[in-house]
Amino acid sequence: MRIFKKILLGVLLFLLIFAGYLFIGEPPPAKEITWGVNFSQKHTENLGLNWRETYLALLDDLGVRNIKLITHWDLIE
């Protein structure tokens, strides 16, 4: 019974150290971050804005170059 307790304690200690490494360890630093904006035609219409004017304002006035376009299935059908 004593050997079983030592083995169980060793396994639990190993799992605790391994979990600590996974959850407490430092993530690698990000190499290149590309910032951008999301654009949703449906969301701009729900806000009472013209989606074309809003999209052009993002491009021209704000100078945004990285845009993630969101497509809603009910607008595609």
N, C-alpha and C. Protein backbone atom coordinates (compact mmCIF):
# COMPACT_ATOMS: atom_id res chain seq x y z
N MET A 1 0.82 -1.20 0.00
CA MET A 1 0.00 0.00 0.00
C MET A 1 0.86 1.26 0.00
N ARG A 2 2.01 1.18 0.62
CA ARG A 2 2.89 2.33 0.72
C ARG A 2 3.47 2.69 -0.66
N ILE A 3 3.79 1.70 -1.47
CA ILE A 3 4.33 1.94 -2.81
C ILE A 3 3.26 2.59 -3.68
N PHE A 4 2.03 2.13 -3.53
CA PHE A 4 0.92 2.71 -4.30
C PHE A 4 0.76 4.20 -3.98
N LYS A 5 0.88 4.58 -2.72
CA LYS A 5 0.76 5.99 -2.33
C LYS A 5 1.90 6.82 -2.92
N LYS A 6 3.11 6.26 -2.94
CA LYS A 6 4.25 6.99 -3.51
C LYS A 6 4.07 7.19 -5.01
N ILE A 7 3.61 6.14 -5.68
CA ILE A 7 3.39 6.25 -7.13
C ILE A 7 2.28 7.26 -7.42
N LEU A 8 1.20 7.19 -6.66
CA LEU A 8 0.09 8.12 -6.84
C LEU A 8 0.53 9.55 -6.56
N LEU A 9 1.30 9.75 -5.52
CA LEU A 9 1.81 11.08 -5.19
C LEU A 9 2.74 11.59 -6.30
N GLY A 10 3.57 10.72 -6.84
CA GLY A 10 4.47 11.11 -7.94
C GLY A 10 3.71 11.50 -9.19
N VAL A 11 2.68 10.72 -9.52
CA VAL A 11 1.87 11.04 -10.71
C VAL A 11 1.12 12.35 -10.51
N LEU A 12 0.54 12.54 -9.34
CA LEU A 12 -0.18 13.79 -9.06
C LEU A 12 0.76 14.99 -9.08
N LEU A 13 1.94 14.83 -8.55
CA LEU A 13 2.92 15.91 -8.57
C LEU A 13 3.33 16.25 -10.00
N PHE A 14 3.54 15.23 -10.81
CA PHE A 14 3.88 15.45 -12.21
C PHE A 14 2.75 16.17 -12.94
N LEU A 15 1.51 15.74 -12.72
CA LEU A 15 0.37 16.39 -13.37
C LEU A 15 0.21 17.84 -12.91
N LEU A 16 0.47 18.09 -11.64
CA LEU A 16 0.38 19.46 -11.12
C LEU A 16 1.45 20.35 -11.75
N ILE A 17 2.65 19.86 -11.87
CA ILE A 17 3.73 20.64 -12.49
C ILE A 17 3.43 20.86 -13.98
N PHE A 18 2.94 19.84 -14.65
CA PHE A 18 2.60 19.95 -16.07
C PHE A 18 1.47 20.95 -16.29
N ALA A 19 0.42 20.88 -15.45
CA ALA A 19 -0.69 21.84 -15.56
C ALA A 19 -0.21 23.25 -15.26
N GLY A 20 0.66 23.40 -14.30
CA GLY A 20 1.22 24.72 -14.00
C GLY A 20 2.01 25.27 -15.17
N TYR A 21 2.74 24.42 -15.85
CA TYR A 21 3.50 24.86 -17.02
C TYR A 21 2.56 25.31 -18.13
N LEU A 22 1.46 24.57 -18.33
CA LEU A 22 0.52 24.92 -19.40
C LEU A 22 -0.26 26.19 -19.10
N PHE A 23 -0.72 26.36 -17.87
CA PHE A 23 -1.61 27.47 -17.55
C PHE A 23 -0.90 28.70 -16.99
N ILE A 24 0.24 28.53 -16.41
CA ILE A 24 0.94 29.66 -15.80
C ILE A 24 2.08 30.13 -16.69
N GLY A 25 2.55 29.28 -17.59
CA GLY A 25 3.67 29.63 -18.45
C GLY A 25 3.35 30.84 -19.33
N GLU A 26 4.38 31.49 -19.79
CA GLU A 26 4.25 32.68 -20.62
C GLU A 26 3.96 32.30 -22.06
N PRO A 27 3.00 32.97 -22.70
CA PRO A 27 2.78 32.72 -24.12
C PRO A 27 3.88 33.38 -24.94
N PRO A 28 4.14 32.86 -26.11
CA PRO A 28 5.17 33.50 -26.94
C PRO A 28 4.71 34.88 -27.39
N PRO A 29 5.63 35.83 -27.52
CA PRO A 29 5.23 37.17 -27.96
C PRO A 29 4.75 37.16 -29.40
N ALA A 30 3.78 38.01 -29.69
CA ALA A 30 3.26 38.11 -31.05
C ALA A 30 4.31 38.72 -31.96
N LYS A 31 4.47 38.16 -33.13
CA LYS A 31 5.50 38.63 -34.04
C LYS A 31 5.03 39.85 -34.82
N GLU A 32 3.97 39.71 -35.56
CA GLU A 32 3.45 40.83 -36.34
C GLU A 32 1.95 40.92 -36.10
N ILE A 33 1.51 42.04 -35.60
CA ILE A 33 0.09 42.27 -35.36
C ILE A 33 -0.42 43.21 -36.44
N THR A 34 -1.48 42.80 -37.12
CA THR A 34 -2.12 43.64 -38.12
C THR A 34 -3.46 44.07 -37.58
N TRP A 35 -3.61 45.37 -37.33
CA TRP A 35 -4.85 45.90 -36.79
C TRP A 35 -5.80 46.25 -37.92
N GLY A 36 -7.08 46.14 -37.66
CA GLY A 36 -8.09 46.46 -38.65
C GLY A 36 -9.43 46.67 -37.99
N VAL A 37 -10.47 46.74 -38.80
CA VAL A 37 -11.83 46.96 -38.30
C VAL A 37 -12.77 45.94 -38.92
N ASN A 38 -13.91 45.75 -38.27
CA ASN A 38 -15.00 44.95 -38.81
C ASN A 38 -16.01 45.87 -39.44
N PHE A 39 -16.62 45.42 -40.53
CA PHE A 39 -17.70 46.19 -41.15
C PHE A 39 -18.87 45.27 -41.41
N SER A 40 -20.05 45.69 -40.96
CA SER A 40 -21.27 44.91 -41.15
C SER A 40 -22.34 45.81 -41.76
N GLN A 41 -22.79 45.44 -42.94
CA GLN A 41 -23.85 46.19 -43.61
C GLN A 41 -25.12 46.19 -42.76
N LYS A 42 -25.45 45.05 -42.21
CA LYS A 42 -26.67 44.93 -41.41
C LYS A 42 -26.60 45.79 -40.15
N HIS A 43 -25.45 45.83 -39.51
CA HIS A 43 -25.31 46.62 -38.29
C HIS A 43 -25.43 48.11 -38.57
N THR A 44 -24.83 48.57 -39.66
CA THR A 44 -24.94 49.99 -40.00
C THR A 44 -26.37 50.37 -40.34
N GLU A 45 -27.09 49.47 -41.01
CA GLU A 45 -28.50 49.75 -41.31
C GLU A 45 -29.34 49.76 -40.04
N ASN A 46 -29.03 48.89 -39.08
CA ASN A 46 -29.75 48.89 -37.81
C ASN A 46 -29.50 50.17 -37.02
N LEU A 47 -28.35 50.80 -37.23
CA LEU A 47 -28.06 52.07 -36.57
C LEU A 47 -28.69 53.25 -37.30
N GLY A 48 -29.33 52.99 -38.43
CA GLY A 48 -29.99 54.05 -39.19
C GLY A 48 -29.04 54.79 -40.11
N LEU A 49 -27.91 54.18 -40.45
CA LEU A 49 -26.93 54.82 -41.32
C LEU A 49 -26.96 54.19 -42.71
N ASN A 50 -26.54 54.95 -43.69
CA ASN A 50 -26.39 54.42 -45.04
C ASN A 50 -25.10 53.61 -45.07
N TRP A 51 -25.19 52.34 -45.43
CA TRP A 51 -24.01 51.49 -45.34
C TRP A 51 -22.94 51.87 -46.35
N ARG A 52 -23.34 52.36 -47.52
CA ARG A 52 -22.34 52.76 -48.53
C ARG A 52 -21.55 53.97 -48.06
N GLU A 53 -22.25 54.95 -47.52
CA GLU A 53 -21.56 56.15 -47.01
C GLU A 53 -20.63 55.80 -45.85
N THR A 54 -21.09 54.91 -44.99
CA THR A 54 -20.28 54.51 -43.84
C THR A 54 -19.03 53.76 -44.29
N TYR A 55 -19.19 52.88 -45.26
CA TYR A 55 -18.04 52.13 -45.77
C TYR A 55 -17.03 53.07 -46.42
N LEU A 56 -17.51 54.00 -47.23
CA LEU A 56 -16.60 54.95 -47.88
C LEU A 56 -15.94 55.87 -46.86
N ALA A 57 -16.66 56.22 -45.79
CA ALA A 57 -16.06 57.04 -44.73
C ALA A 57 -14.94 56.28 -44.03
N LEU A 58 -15.11 54.97 -43.84
CA LEU A 58 -14.03 54.16 -43.26
C LEU A 58 -12.79 54.21 -44.14
N LEU A 59 -12.99 54.08 -45.44
CA LEU A 59 -11.85 54.06 -46.35
C LEU A 59 -11.21 55.44 -46.51
N ASP A 60 -12.03 56.45 -46.74
CA ASP A 60 -11.50 57.78 -47.08
C ASP A 60 -11.14 58.60 -45.85
N ASP A 61 -12.09 58.77 -44.95
CA ASP A 61 -11.88 59.67 -43.81
C ASP A 61 -10.94 59.08 -42.76
N LEU A 62 -11.15 57.82 -42.42
CA LEU A 62 -10.33 57.20 -41.38
C LEU A 62 -9.06 56.56 -41.93
N GLY A 63 -9.03 56.30 -43.23
CA GLY A 63 -7.83 55.71 -43.83
C GLY A 63 -7.61 54.26 -43.46
N VAL A 64 -8.67 53.55 -43.17
CA VAL A 64 -8.56 52.13 -42.80
C VAL A 64 -8.18 51.32 -44.03
N ARG A 65 -7.21 50.42 -43.86
CA ARG A 65 -6.77 49.58 -44.97
C ARG A 65 -7.04 48.09 -44.73
N ASN A 66 -7.24 47.69 -43.52
CA ASN A 66 -7.53 46.28 -43.21
C ASN A 66 -8.95 46.18 -42.68
N ILE A 67 -9.84 45.63 -43.51
CA ILE A 67 -11.25 45.54 -43.16
C ILE A 67 -11.69 44.09 -43.25
N LYS A 68 -12.39 43.63 -42.20
CA LYS A 68 -13.01 42.31 -42.24
C LYS A 68 -14.49 42.53 -42.55
N LEU A 69 -14.91 42.07 -43.71
CA LEU A 69 -16.30 42.23 -44.12
C LEU A 69 -17.12 41.07 -43.57
N ILE A 70 -18.23 41.41 -42.95
CA ILE A 70 -19.12 40.40 -42.38
C ILE A 70 -20.30 40.24 -43.31
N THR A 71 -20.58 39.01 -43.70
CA THR A 71 -21.72 38.74 -44.57
C THR A 71 -22.77 37.99 -43.76
N HIS A 72 -23.98 38.48 -43.80
CA HIS A 72 -25.09 37.84 -43.10
C HIS A 72 -25.87 37.01 -44.10
N TRP A 73 -26.22 35.82 -43.68
CA TRP A 73 -26.86 34.87 -44.59
C TRP A 73 -28.20 35.39 -45.11
N ASP A 74 -28.95 36.09 -44.28
CA ASP A 74 -30.25 36.58 -44.74
C ASP A 74 -30.11 37.69 -45.79
N LEU A 75 -28.98 38.37 -45.86
CA LEU A 75 -28.75 39.37 -46.90
C LEU A 75 -28.25 38.74 -48.20
N ILE A 76 -27.65 37.56 -48.11
CA ILE A 76 -27.13 36.89 -49.30
C ILE A 76 -28.24 36.18 -50.06
N GLU A 77 -29.19 35.60 -49.35
CA GLU A 77 -30.24 34.82 -50.01
C GLU A 77 -31.12 35.65 -50.89
